[in-house]
N, C-alpha and C. Protein backbone atom coordinates (compact mmCIF):
# COMPACT_ATOMS: atom_id res chain seq x y z
N MET A 1 1.31 -0.95 0.23
CA MET A 1 0.14 0.00 0.07
C MET A 1 0.60 0.99 -0.08
N ARG A 2 0.64 2.06 -1.07
CA ARG A 2 1.66 3.13 -0.64
C ARG A 2 1.17 3.89 0.66
N PRO A 3 2.49 4.69 1.30
CA PRO A 3 2.06 5.20 2.50
C PRO A 3 1.53 6.79 2.21
N PHE A 4 0.83 7.17 2.57
CA PHE A 4 -0.19 8.09 2.41
C PHE A 4 0.04 8.87 3.67
N LEU A 5 0.15 10.33 3.25
CA LEU A 5 0.48 11.68 3.94
C LEU A 5 -0.42 11.53 5.26
N PHE A 6 -0.34 11.32 5.91
CA PHE A 6 -1.66 12.10 7.20
C PHE A 6 -1.34 13.26 7.96
N ALA A 7 -2.12 13.99 7.51
CA ALA A 7 -2.01 15.44 8.01
C ALA A 7 -3.36 16.01 9.17
N SER A 8 -2.43 16.59 10.11
CA SER A 8 -3.81 16.54 11.49
C SER A 8 -3.29 18.21 11.67
N LEU A 9 -4.00 19.40 12.15
CA LEU A 9 -4.20 20.67 12.21
C LEU A 9 -4.52 21.63 13.07
N ILE A 10 -4.33 21.06 14.18
CA ILE A 10 -5.45 21.75 15.32
C ILE A 10 -4.28 22.55 15.85
N THR A 11 -5.46 23.59 17.29
CA THR A 11 -4.44 24.52 17.86
C THR A 11 -4.95 24.48 19.51
N ALA A 12 -3.83 24.84 20.15
CA ALA A 12 -4.12 24.67 21.52
C ALA A 12 -4.21 22.61 22.12
N ALA A 13 -5.62 21.71 21.50
CA ALA A 13 -4.53 20.77 21.95
C ALA A 13 -5.21 19.33 21.30
N PHE A 14 -4.36 18.57 20.88
CA PHE A 14 -4.73 18.32 19.31
C PHE A 14 -5.31 16.42 19.09
N ALA A 15 -5.14 16.39 20.98
CA ALA A 15 -6.53 15.19 20.94
C ALA A 15 -7.54 15.31 20.08
N GLY A 16 -8.83 14.39 19.97
CA GLY A 16 -9.94 15.03 19.17
C GLY A 16 -10.37 15.42 17.76
N ALA A 17 -9.07 15.91 17.49
CA ALA A 17 -8.93 16.63 16.18
C ALA A 17 -9.96 15.94 15.11
N CYS A 18 -9.79 14.34 14.44
CA CYS A 18 -9.42 13.66 13.97
C CYS A 18 -11.07 13.52 13.63
N GLY A 19 -11.85 13.26 14.57
CA GLY A 19 -13.54 13.40 14.51
C GLY A 19 -13.82 14.59 13.82
N HIS A 20 -13.33 16.14 13.63
CA HIS A 20 -13.88 16.74 12.92
C HIS A 20 -12.93 17.18 11.86
N VAL A 21 -12.43 16.05 11.25
CA VAL A 21 -12.21 16.49 9.77
C VAL A 21 -13.50 15.81 8.96
N PRO A 22 -13.54 16.97 7.82
CA PRO A 22 -15.57 16.35 7.56
C PRO A 22 -15.24 15.00 6.52
N LEU A 23 -15.84 14.58 6.65
CA LEU A 23 -15.89 13.05 5.79
C LEU A 23 -15.17 13.54 3.81
N THR A 24 -16.04 14.94 3.77
CA THR A 24 -16.17 15.03 2.15
C THR A 24 -14.37 14.97 1.73
N SER A 25 -14.11 15.57 2.54
CA SER A 25 -11.61 16.36 3.60
C SER A 25 -11.14 14.98 2.24
N LEU A 26 -11.63 13.71 3.19
CA LEU A 26 -10.98 12.27 2.99
C LEU A 26 -10.52 12.16 2.03
N PRO A 27 -11.18 12.21 0.43
CA PRO A 27 -10.68 11.64 -0.83
C PRO A 27 -9.74 12.64 -0.97
N LYS A 28 -9.64 14.12 -0.51
CA LYS A 28 -8.46 14.60 -1.05
C LYS A 28 -7.29 14.43 -0.54
N LEU A 29 -7.44 14.58 0.91
CA LEU A 29 -6.01 14.36 1.94
C LEU A 29 -5.38 12.78 1.52
N SER A 30 -6.42 11.68 0.69
CA SER A 30 -5.93 10.24 0.42
C SER A 30 -4.86 10.46 -0.40
N ARG A 31 -4.84 11.72 -1.39
CA ARG A 31 -4.53 11.68 -1.69
C ARG A 31 -2.53 12.22 -2.02
N ILE A 32 -2.88 12.90 -0.97
CA ILE A 32 -1.01 13.17 -0.95
C ILE A 32 -0.21 12.64 -0.29
N ASP A 33 0.83 12.05 -1.11
CA ASP A 33 2.11 11.52 -0.71
C ASP A 33 3.15 11.82 -0.12
N ILE A 34 4.05 11.24 1.10
CA ILE A 34 4.26 11.93 1.78
C ILE A 34 5.93 11.28 0.57
N ARG A 35 5.97 10.61 -0.02
CA ARG A 35 7.52 10.57 -0.89
C ARG A 35 7.34 11.44 -2.57
N SER A 36 6.11 12.16 -2.31
CA SER A 36 6.31 13.20 -3.46
C SER A 36 5.80 14.07 -3.65
N THR A 37 4.46 14.51 -2.74
CA THR A 37 4.45 15.68 -2.26
C THR A 37 5.65 16.56 -2.30
N ARG A 38 5.51 18.23 -2.97
CA ARG A 38 6.91 19.64 -2.80
C ARG A 38 6.25 20.11 -1.51
N LEU A 39 7.40 20.07 -0.85
CA LEU A 39 7.18 20.10 0.16
C LEU A 39 7.52 21.51 0.41
N ALA A 40 7.90 22.36 -1.30
CA ALA A 40 7.51 24.11 -1.19
C ALA A 40 5.82 24.38 -1.37
N ASP A 41 5.21 23.98 -1.86
CA ASP A 41 4.13 24.23 -2.36
C ASP A 41 3.17 23.94 -1.04
N LEU A 42 3.47 22.94 -0.05
CA LEU A 42 2.41 22.72 0.95
C LEU A 42 2.30 24.54 1.55
N ARG A 43 0.86 24.59 2.20
CA ARG A 43 0.43 25.57 2.76
C ARG A 43 -0.87 25.19 3.66
N ALA A 44 -0.34 25.56 4.97
CA ALA A 44 -1.26 24.93 6.00
C ALA A 44 -2.23 27.01 6.39
N GLY A 45 -3.54 26.94 7.04
CA GLY A 45 -4.61 27.91 7.00
C GLY A 45 -5.22 27.63 8.48
N LEU A 46 -5.11 28.57 9.54
CA LEU A 46 -5.38 28.52 10.32
C LEU A 46 -7.34 29.51 10.52
N SER A 47 -7.85 29.28 10.44
CA SER A 47 -8.48 30.62 10.84
C SER A 47 -9.97 29.95 12.10
N LEU A 48 -9.20 31.36 12.58
CA LEU A 48 -9.46 31.53 14.36
C LEU A 48 -10.53 32.62 14.81
N PRO A 49 -10.95 33.02 15.56
CA PRO A 49 -11.91 34.41 15.99
C PRO A 49 -11.00 35.69 15.87
N ALA A 50 -11.36 36.73 15.33
CA ALA A 50 -10.24 37.70 14.40
C ALA A 50 -9.35 38.10 16.25
N ASP A 51 -9.60 38.50 17.36
CA ASP A 51 -9.23 38.20 19.11
C ASP A 51 -7.86 37.29 19.09
N ILE A 52 -8.16 36.04 18.36
CA ILE A 52 -7.18 35.33 18.58
C ILE A 52 -6.14 34.63 17.77
N ARG A 53 -4.84 34.80 17.81
CA ARG A 53 -3.64 35.40 17.47
C ARG A 53 -2.43 33.97 17.40
N PRO A 54 -1.96 33.21 17.00
CA PRO A 54 -0.50 32.71 16.50
C PRO A 54 0.19 33.54 16.91
N LEU A 55 1.14 33.04 17.51
CA LEU A 55 2.47 33.71 18.10
C LEU A 55 3.16 33.27 17.28
N PRO A 56 4.24 34.32 16.71
CA PRO A 56 5.65 33.76 15.83
C PRO A 56 6.28 32.84 16.74
N GLY A 57 6.08 31.62 15.31
CA GLY A 57 7.21 30.12 16.12
C GLY A 57 6.29 29.41 16.67
N GLY A 58 5.17 29.47 16.46
CA GLY A 58 3.89 28.74 17.30
C GLY A 58 3.72 27.39 15.99
N VAL A 59 3.59 28.00 14.60
CA VAL A 59 3.18 26.81 14.11
C VAL A 59 3.96 25.98 13.48
N THR A 60 3.91 24.33 13.89
CA THR A 60 4.97 23.65 12.97
C THR A 60 5.04 21.65 12.62
N MET A 61 5.79 22.01 11.64
CA MET A 61 5.20 20.15 10.86
C MET A 61 6.77 19.51 11.41
N THR A 62 6.03 18.00 11.68
CA THR A 62 7.46 17.18 12.06
C THR A 62 6.89 15.97 10.45
N ILE A 63 7.83 15.58 10.21
CA ILE A 63 8.15 13.98 9.35
C ILE A 63 8.55 13.22 10.39
N VAL A 64 7.69 12.22 10.66
CA VAL A 64 8.93 10.78 11.28
C VAL A 64 8.18 10.24 10.23
N VAL A 65 9.73 8.86 10.21
CA VAL A 65 10.21 8.01 9.50
C VAL A 65 9.91 6.88 10.40
N GLU A 66 9.28 5.81 9.95
CA GLU A 66 9.86 4.58 10.81
C GLU A 66 10.17 3.76 10.01
N PRO A 67 11.29 3.22 10.13
CA PRO A 67 12.41 2.17 9.32
C PRO A 67 11.20 0.73 9.44
N ARG A 68 11.56 -0.27 8.47
CA ARG A 68 10.64 -1.52 8.46
C ARG A 68 11.68 -2.42 9.30
N GLU A 69 12.68 -1.72 9.75
CA GLU A 69 13.55 -2.56 11.10
C GLU A 69 13.32 -2.44 12.33
N GLY A 70 13.10 -1.02 11.65
CA GLY A 70 12.48 -0.40 13.73
C GLY A 70 13.45 0.66 13.50
N GLY A 71 12.41 1.24 14.84
CA GLY A 71 13.29 2.33 15.48
C GLY A 71 12.63 3.67 14.92
N ARG A 72 12.73 5.03 15.00
CA ARG A 72 12.36 6.05 14.43
C ARG A 72 12.71 7.47 14.17
N HIS A 73 12.60 7.89 13.32
CA HIS A 73 13.20 9.07 12.68
C HIS A 73 12.43 10.43 12.87
N GLU A 74 12.68 12.21 13.06
CA GLU A 74 11.49 13.33 13.41
C GLU A 74 12.42 14.18 12.82
N ARG A 75 11.92 15.07 11.90
CA ARG A 75 12.34 16.33 11.57
C ARG A 75 11.80 17.31 11.84
N LYS A 76 11.72 18.55 13.04
CA LYS A 76 10.43 19.37 13.18
C LYS A 76 10.59 20.68 13.01
N VAL A 77 9.85 21.34 12.03
CA VAL A 77 10.52 22.76 11.68
C VAL A 77 9.35 23.73 11.94
N VAL A 78 9.94 24.87 12.46
CA VAL A 78 8.53 25.96 12.81
C VAL A 78 8.54 26.53 10.71
N LEU A 79 7.08 26.56 11.27
CA LEU A 79 6.13 27.42 9.55
C LEU A 79 6.46 29.17 10.01
N GLU A 80 6.95 29.52 8.63
CA GLU A 80 6.61 30.95 8.09
C GLU A 80 5.53 31.29 8.36
N GLU A 81 5.37 32.28 8.52
CA GLU A 81 3.46 32.98 8.20
C GLU A 81 3.43 33.69 6.80
N VAL A 82 2.57 33.65 5.38
CA VAL A 82 3.03 34.22 4.34
C VAL A 82 2.62 35.09 3.84
N ARG A 83 3.66 36.24 3.68
CA ARG A 83 2.87 37.96 3.65
C ARG A 83 3.15 38.29 2.20
N ASP A 84 3.34 37.43 0.75
CA ASP A 84 3.33 37.73 0.36
C ASP A 84 2.38 38.37 -0.29
N ALA A 85 1.65 39.61 -0.54
CA ALA A 85 0.53 39.83 -1.00
C ALA A 85 0.06 39.74 -2.06
N THR A 86 0.73 38.96 -3.05
CA THR A 86 0.27 38.79 -4.51
C THR A 86 -0.20 36.87 -3.83
N GLU A 87 -0.30 36.61 -3.34
CA GLU A 87 0.20 34.71 -3.13
C GLU A 87 -1.85 34.82 -1.88
N LEU A 88 -1.86 35.94 -1.30
CA LEU A 88 -2.45 36.05 -0.22
C LEU A 88 -3.70 37.06 -0.93
N ALA A 89 -3.81 37.82 -1.56
CA ALA A 89 -5.15 38.24 -2.41
C ALA A 89 -5.18 36.53 -3.64
N ALA A 90 -4.86 35.83 -4.07
CA ALA A 90 -5.53 34.54 -5.19
C ALA A 90 -6.20 33.93 -3.77
N LEU A 91 -5.98 33.96 -2.54
CA LEU A 91 -6.77 33.35 -1.65
C LEU A 91 -7.86 32.76 -2.12
N PRO A 92 -8.75 31.93 -1.85
CA PRO A 92 -10.12 31.88 -2.06
C PRO A 92 -10.73 32.02 -0.38
N VAL A 93 -12.07 32.78 -1.19
CA VAL A 93 -12.47 32.98 0.17
C VAL A 93 -13.25 32.04 1.10
N MET A 94 -12.39 31.69 2.15
CA MET A 94 -12.30 30.92 3.30
C MET A 94 -12.52 30.94 4.87
N VAL A 95 -13.01 32.72 5.04
CA VAL A 95 -14.05 32.95 6.44
C VAL A 95 -14.64 34.11 6.39
N SER A 96 -14.93 33.69 7.13
CA SER A 96 -16.78 34.27 7.89
C SER A 96 -16.40 35.62 8.67
N PRO A 97 -17.89 37.10 8.82
CA PRO A 97 -17.08 37.66 9.61
C PRO A 97 -16.32 37.42 10.69
N GLY A 98 -15.92 38.21 11.28
CA GLY A 98 -15.17 37.64 12.71
C GLY A 98 -14.30 36.79 12.65
N ARG A 99 -14.54 36.18 11.68
CA ARG A 99 -12.94 35.32 11.68
C ARG A 99 -11.38 35.90 11.29
N ARG A 100 -10.18 35.39 11.55
CA ARG A 100 -8.97 36.13 10.29
C ARG A 100 -7.86 35.02 9.96
N LEU A 101 -7.79 34.78 9.05
CA LEU A 101 -7.13 33.85 8.21
C LEU A 101 -5.74 34.11 8.28
N THR A 102 -5.38 32.90 8.43
CA THR A 102 -3.61 32.89 8.60
C THR A 102 -2.66 32.06 8.12
N VAL A 103 -2.58 32.09 7.28
CA VAL A 103 -1.47 31.09 5.94
C VAL A 103 0.56 31.04 6.72
N PHE A 104 1.13 29.97 6.17
CA PHE A 104 1.74 29.51 6.67
C PHE A 104 2.43 28.84 6.11
N ARG A 105 3.64 28.23 5.99
CA ARG A 105 4.48 27.55 4.29
C ARG A 105 5.82 27.15 5.62
N LEU A 106 6.48 26.41 4.86
CA LEU A 106 7.96 26.05 4.72
C LEU A 106 8.76 27.27 4.22
N SER A 107 10.06 27.78 5.43
CA SER A 107 11.16 28.63 4.39
C SER A 107 11.68 27.93 3.55
N ALA A 108 11.94 28.44 2.06
CA ALA A 108 12.60 27.49 1.10
C ALA A 108 13.66 26.49 2.07
N ASN A 109 14.69 26.91 2.68
CA ASN A 109 15.72 26.68 3.22
C ASN A 109 15.19 25.16 4.21
N ASP A 110 13.64 25.06 4.68
CA ASP A 110 13.33 24.04 5.23
C ASP A 110 12.89 23.20 4.52
N ALA A 111 12.60 23.80 3.34
CA ALA A 111 11.71 22.55 2.08
C ALA A 111 12.66 22.06 1.65
N ALA A 112 14.17 22.29 1.53
CA ALA A 112 15.57 21.87 1.34
C ALA A 112 15.57 20.81 1.55
N ARG A 113 15.70 20.78 3.24
CA ARG A 113 16.52 20.46 4.19
C ARG A 113 15.89 19.45 4.59
N LEU A 114 14.21 19.22 4.50
CA LEU A 114 13.14 17.84 4.83
C LEU A 114 13.20 17.77 3.75
N SER A 115 12.99 18.06 2.53
CA SER A 115 13.75 17.25 1.19
C SER A 115 14.25 15.93 1.21
N ALA A 116 15.85 16.91 1.88
CA ALA A 116 16.63 15.83 1.49
C ALA A 116 16.83 14.60 2.30
N PHE A 117 16.46 15.08 3.33
CA PHE A 117 15.16 14.39 4.88
C PHE A 117 14.53 13.56 4.08
N ARG A 118 13.67 13.52 3.61
CA ARG A 118 13.18 12.96 2.94
C ARG A 118 13.54 11.61 1.85
N GLU A 119 14.64 11.86 1.25
CA GLU A 119 14.87 11.34 -0.12
C GLU A 119 15.93 10.30 1.19
N GLU A 120 16.61 10.84 1.63
CA GLU A 120 16.94 9.90 2.46
C GLU A 120 16.76 8.58 3.15
N GLN A 121 15.77 8.67 3.80
CA GLN A 121 14.81 7.54 4.76
C GLN A 121 13.95 7.83 3.33
N LEU A 122 13.76 7.80 3.01
CA LEU A 122 12.39 7.11 2.44
C LEU A 122 12.15 6.64 1.07
N LEU A 123 13.40 7.34 -0.32
CA LEU A 123 13.43 6.88 -0.94
C LEU A 123 14.62 6.21 -1.74
N GLY A 124 16.08 7.08 -0.61
CA GLY A 124 17.40 5.85 -0.97
C GLY A 124 17.03 4.18 -1.55
N SER A 125 18.37 4.21 -1.61
CA SER A 125 18.82 2.48 -1.96
C SER A 125 17.83 1.73 -0.37
N GLY A 126 16.93 0.65 -0.90
CA GLY A 126 16.73 -0.62 0.47
C GLY A 126 15.63 0.30 1.26
N GLN A 127 14.76 1.37 1.39
CA GLN A 127 14.51 2.33 1.91
C GLN A 127 12.60 1.66 1.55
N ASN A 128 12.42 0.78 0.80
CA ASN A 128 11.19 0.88 -0.04
C ASN A 128 9.62 0.35 0.60
N GLY A 129 10.32 -0.31 2.50
CA GLY A 129 9.97 -0.54 3.50
C GLY A 129 9.19 0.66 4.37
N ASN A 130 10.40 1.29 4.20
CA ASN A 130 9.60 2.68 5.89
C ASN A 130 8.60 3.08 5.13
N ARG A 131 8.42 3.69 6.13
CA ARG A 131 6.75 4.43 6.43
C ARG A 131 7.17 6.00 7.31
N GLY A 132 6.61 6.97 6.58
CA GLY A 132 6.33 8.41 7.02
C GLY A 132 5.31 8.51 6.98
N SER A 133 5.20 10.12 8.38
CA SER A 133 4.31 10.67 7.92
C SER A 133 3.92 11.70 8.59
N LEU A 134 3.32 12.67 8.21
CA LEU A 134 3.76 14.19 8.11
C LEU A 134 2.54 15.08 8.95
N SER A 135 3.01 15.66 10.08
CA SER A 135 1.82 16.60 10.69
C SER A 135 1.87 17.79 10.91
N LEU A 136 1.07 18.74 11.34
CA LEU A 136 1.43 20.12 11.62
C LEU A 136 0.70 20.40 12.81
N GLY A 137 1.07 21.72 13.26
CA GLY A 137 0.39 21.50 15.15
C GLY A 137 0.57 23.54 14.85
N ALA A 138 0.06 23.46 15.81
CA ALA A 138 0.58 25.22 16.03
C ALA A 138 0.04 25.18 18.01
N ASP A 139 0.64 25.49 19.09
CA ASP A 139 0.68 25.46 20.26
C ASP A 139 0.97 26.13 20.87
N LYS A 140 1.02 27.84 20.07
CA LYS A 140 1.37 28.98 20.70
C LYS A 140 0.48 30.22 19.50
N ALA A 141 -0.49 31.00 21.01
CA ALA A 141 -1.38 32.11 19.99
C ALA A 141 -1.48 33.01 21.37
N CYS A 142 -2.45 34.23 20.96
CA CYS A 142 -2.20 34.26 22.38
C CYS A 142 -3.85 35.71 21.38
N ARG A 143 -3.76 36.63 23.08
CA ARG A 143 -5.33 37.17 22.13
C ARG A 143 -5.64 38.28 22.90
N LEU A 144 -6.34 39.09 21.81
CA LEU A 144 -6.76 40.62 22.45
C LEU A 144 -7.51 40.92 22.85
N GLY A 145 -7.87 40.90 23.42
CA GLY A 145 -9.31 40.52 24.53
C GLY A 145 -9.72 40.18 25.70
N ASP A 146 -11.05 40.41 26.54
CA ASP A 146 -10.55 38.75 27.37
C ASP A 146 -11.86 37.61 26.79
N LEU A 147 -11.63 36.54 27.36
CA LEU A 147 -12.20 35.35 26.54
C LEU A 147 -13.41 35.01 27.78
N SER A 148 -14.70 35.01 26.61
CA SER A 148 -15.96 35.12 27.24
C SER A 148 -16.39 33.22 27.65
N GLY A 149 -16.73 32.97 28.04
CA GLY A 149 -17.60 32.04 27.89
C GLY A 149 -18.00 30.92 26.66
N LYS A 150 -18.57 31.69 25.31
CA LYS A 150 -18.14 31.45 24.37
C LYS A 150 -17.65 30.28 23.81
N PRO A 151 -17.52 29.43 21.85
CA PRO A 151 -16.72 28.53 22.13
C PRO A 151 -15.95 28.83 21.47
N ILE A 152 -14.17 28.55 21.46
CA ILE A 152 -13.93 29.29 20.71
C ILE A 152 -13.61 28.42 19.18
N PRO A 153 -14.00 28.65 18.13
CA PRO A 153 -14.07 28.16 16.86
C PRO A 153 -12.33 28.02 16.42
N MET A 154 -11.95 26.99 15.82
CA MET A 154 -10.88 26.49 14.73
C MET A 154 -11.22 25.68 13.78
N THR A 155 -11.04 26.95 12.92
CA THR A 155 -11.19 26.03 10.69
C THR A 155 -9.66 26.25 10.50
N SER A 156 -9.38 24.40 9.99
CA SER A 156 -7.97 24.71 9.35
C SER A 156 -7.88 23.81 8.07
N TYR A 157 -6.63 24.38 7.73
CA TYR A 157 -7.31 24.27 6.01
C TYR A 157 -5.43 23.85 5.55
N LEU A 158 -5.25 23.34 4.67
CA LEU A 158 -4.38 22.05 3.97
C LEU A 158 -4.32 22.34 2.87
N LYS A 159 -3.49 22.69 2.23
CA LYS A 159 -3.20 23.02 0.57
C LYS A 159 -1.50 22.48 0.37
N THR A 160 -1.80 20.75 -0.53
CA THR A 160 -0.62 20.99 -1.34
C THR A 160 -0.63 20.30 -2.73
N SER A 161 0.87 20.28 -3.25
CA SER A 161 0.66 19.38 -4.92
C SER A 161 -0.46 19.00 -5.08
N GLU A 162 -0.38 17.97 -4.25
CA GLU A 162 -1.77 17.38 -5.30
C GLU A 162 -2.75 17.75 -5.22
N THR A 163 -3.36 18.65 -4.19
CA THR A 163 -4.46 18.68 -3.64
C THR A 163 -4.99 20.06 -4.31
N GLN A 164 -3.92 20.63 -5.18
CA GLN A 164 -4.23 21.78 -5.61
C GLN A 164 -5.09 23.26 -4.87
N ASP A 165 -5.80 22.79 -4.21
CA ASP A 165 -6.49 23.74 -3.61
C ASP A 165 -6.44 23.60 -1.98
N TYR A 166 -6.98 24.29 -2.09
CA TYR A 166 -7.54 24.41 1.11
C TYR A 166 -7.93 23.36 1.09
N VAL A 167 -7.44 22.71 1.61
CA VAL A 167 -9.16 21.69 1.83
C VAL A 167 -8.98 22.00 3.76
N VAL A 168 -10.17 21.39 3.52
CA VAL A 168 -10.18 21.34 5.22
C VAL A 168 -10.38 20.27 6.33
N VAL A 169 -9.32 20.56 6.81
CA VAL A 169 -8.71 19.19 7.67
C VAL A 169 -9.73 19.71 8.76
N THR A 170 -9.64 20.35 9.78
CA THR A 170 -10.72 20.67 11.17
C THR A 170 -11.24 21.62 11.27
N ARG A 171 -13.37 21.19 10.85
CA ARG A 171 -14.25 22.34 10.65
C ARG A 171 -14.22 22.65 11.86
N ASP A 172 -14.37 23.74 12.83
CA ASP A 172 -14.81 24.77 13.93
C ASP A 172 -15.07 23.65 15.34
N LEU A 173 -13.52 23.27 15.14
CA LEU A 173 -13.48 23.12 16.44
C LEU A 173 -13.14 23.28 17.21
N ASP A 174 -13.57 23.56 18.48
CA ASP A 174 -14.00 24.36 19.30
C ASP A 174 -12.97 23.65 20.60
N LEU A 175 -11.85 24.61 21.21
CA LEU A 175 -10.73 25.51 21.48
C LEU A 175 -10.76 24.89 22.96
N ARG A 176 -11.94 25.63 22.81
CA ARG A 176 -12.31 25.69 24.86
C ARG A 176 -12.40 24.37 24.96
N GLU A 177 -13.81 23.34 24.29
CA GLU A 177 -13.74 22.15 24.72
C GLU A 177 -12.18 20.92 24.52
N ALA A 178 -11.34 21.49 23.55
CA ALA A 178 -10.57 20.77 23.46
C ALA A 178 -9.16 20.75 24.51
N VAL A 179 -9.47 22.24 24.99
CA VAL A 179 -8.81 21.74 26.44
C VAL A 179 -9.41 21.36 27.50
N ARG A 180 -10.31 21.25 27.59
CA ARG A 180 -11.41 20.82 28.68
C ARG A 180 -11.45 18.96 28.43
N ALA A 181 -10.97 18.04 27.44
CA ALA A 181 -10.69 17.16 27.12
C ALA A 181 -9.57 17.02 27.81
N ILE A 182 -8.45 17.83 27.94
CA ILE A 182 -7.35 17.63 28.24
C ILE A 182 -6.95 17.28 29.18
N ASP A 183 -7.32 18.96 30.05
CA ASP A 183 -7.04 18.62 31.34
C ASP A 183 -8.05 20.06 31.66
N PRO A 184 -9.69 19.29 32.81
CA PRO A 184 -11.14 20.26 32.72
C PRO A 184 -10.01 21.18 33.88
N LYS A 185 -9.22 20.91 34.63
CA LYS A 185 -8.74 21.87 35.39
C LYS A 185 -7.19 23.24 34.95
N ILE A 186 -7.01 23.08 33.23
CA ILE A 186 -6.98 24.55 32.33
C ILE A 186 -7.56 26.07 32.89
N ASP A 187 -6.80 26.33 32.71
CA ASP A 187 -7.62 27.70 32.67
C ASP A 187 -7.88 28.81 31.76
N LEU A 188 -7.94 28.69 30.86
CA LEU A 188 -7.89 29.23 28.41
C LEU A 188 -7.15 29.91 29.19
N ALA A 189 -7.46 31.53 30.54
CA ALA A 189 -7.05 32.74 29.89
C ALA A 189 -5.72 32.48 30.30
N ASP A 190 -4.85 31.74 30.54
CA ASP A 190 -3.67 31.01 30.91
C ASP A 190 -3.57 30.39 30.00
N ALA A 191 -4.00 29.73 29.22
CA ALA A 191 -3.61 28.89 28.38
C ALA A 191 -3.39 30.04 26.72
N ILE A 192 -4.68 31.13 26.70
CA ILE A 192 -4.17 31.85 25.62
C ILE A 192 -3.79 33.61 26.12
N PRO A 193 -2.29 33.10 27.02
CA PRO A 193 -2.50 34.77 27.75
C PRO A 193 -3.14 36.07 26.75
N PRO A 194 -2.83 37.18 27.69
CA PRO A 194 -2.85 38.39 26.17
C PRO A 194 -1.45 38.11 25.25
N CYS A 195 -1.86 39.01 23.88
CA CYS A 195 -0.88 39.37 22.92
C CYS A 195 0.22 40.29 23.39
N ASP A 196 0.01 41.09 24.80
CA ASP A 196 0.73 41.69 25.46
C ASP A 196 1.86 41.86 26.05
N THR A 197 1.81 40.48 26.85
CA THR A 197 2.50 39.75 27.94
C THR A 197 2.76 38.13 26.99
N ALA A 198 2.25 37.37 26.07
CA ALA A 198 2.19 36.26 25.78
C ALA A 198 3.78 35.89 25.24
N GLY A 199 4.68 36.78 25.15
CA GLY A 199 6.25 36.81 24.41
C GLY A 199 6.04 35.19 23.65
N GLY A 200 6.87 33.79 24.33
CA GLY A 200 6.96 32.48 23.69
C GLY A 200 5.67 31.61 24.09
N GLN A 201 5.44 32.01 24.93
CA GLN A 201 4.47 31.04 25.67
C GLN A 201 3.66 29.87 24.84
N ARG A 202 3.67 28.59 25.35
CA ARG A 202 3.10 27.68 25.48
C ARG A 202 2.29 27.43 25.25
N LEU A 203 1.20 26.69 24.79
CA LEU A 203 -0.23 26.71 24.79
C LEU A 203 -0.90 25.60 25.33
N SER A 204 -0.74 25.98 26.67
CA SER A 204 -0.92 24.63 27.85
C SER A 204 -1.94 23.56 27.10
N GLY A 205 -1.57 22.02 27.76
CA GLY A 205 -2.15 20.89 27.13
C GLY A 205 -1.84 20.04 26.02
N SER A 206 -0.86 21.23 25.26
CA SER A 206 -0.25 20.49 24.08
C SER A 206 0.39 19.54 24.12
N PRO A 207 1.16 18.87 23.27
CA PRO A 207 2.13 17.81 23.55
C PRO A 207 3.69 18.67 24.06
N GLY A 208 4.08 18.36 23.97
CA GLY A 208 5.40 18.79 24.28
C GLY A 208 5.84 20.54 24.50
N ALA A 209 4.51 20.29 25.34
CA ALA A 209 4.21 21.64 26.50
C ALA A 209 5.20 21.44 27.33
N SER A 210 6.53 22.97 28.16
CA SER A 210 6.84 23.02 29.18
C SER A 210 6.10 23.26 30.49
């Protein structure tokens, strides 16, 4: 079986996201192949309430390779925000009023570095039995105002050389419920701090949090 790219993109808490992937997205996502997808073309989008902002350095991509003889090789990089006016102007309409869309990509250097890692671990001589996966995650965000008791919906998108357009990965995942599922005692006001005090804080409840 061809090893497909498994992509999950959520924020604040990763658990439970798979249940939010629309069924209509699965055929498109299943066409993505980690062995051949052009990493420089990959784009990840986050649609959040306008007063919730991803922090620089908080959106990452991880490639994991599991050799057939056992073991695990991993490379993780930080994605950069897309600021090219021409590319942003060409984005399809994906955000409703009161939401803000932020798009991320690999830097040219990281795309080349991860492509070389993939070549060595998945495409080299004798590597046919190795399995690979790719995941996208966001674990740093801040807020511009106070948090109310209302849901905090997040929709995520993925675009690759195979999909050609943006595919919904998670639709309206409630960050409040996601954090509560990880730990009911987490204070969301601490997990998503004010932007003027956030600095490099990592969202509580997310894998890798200190």
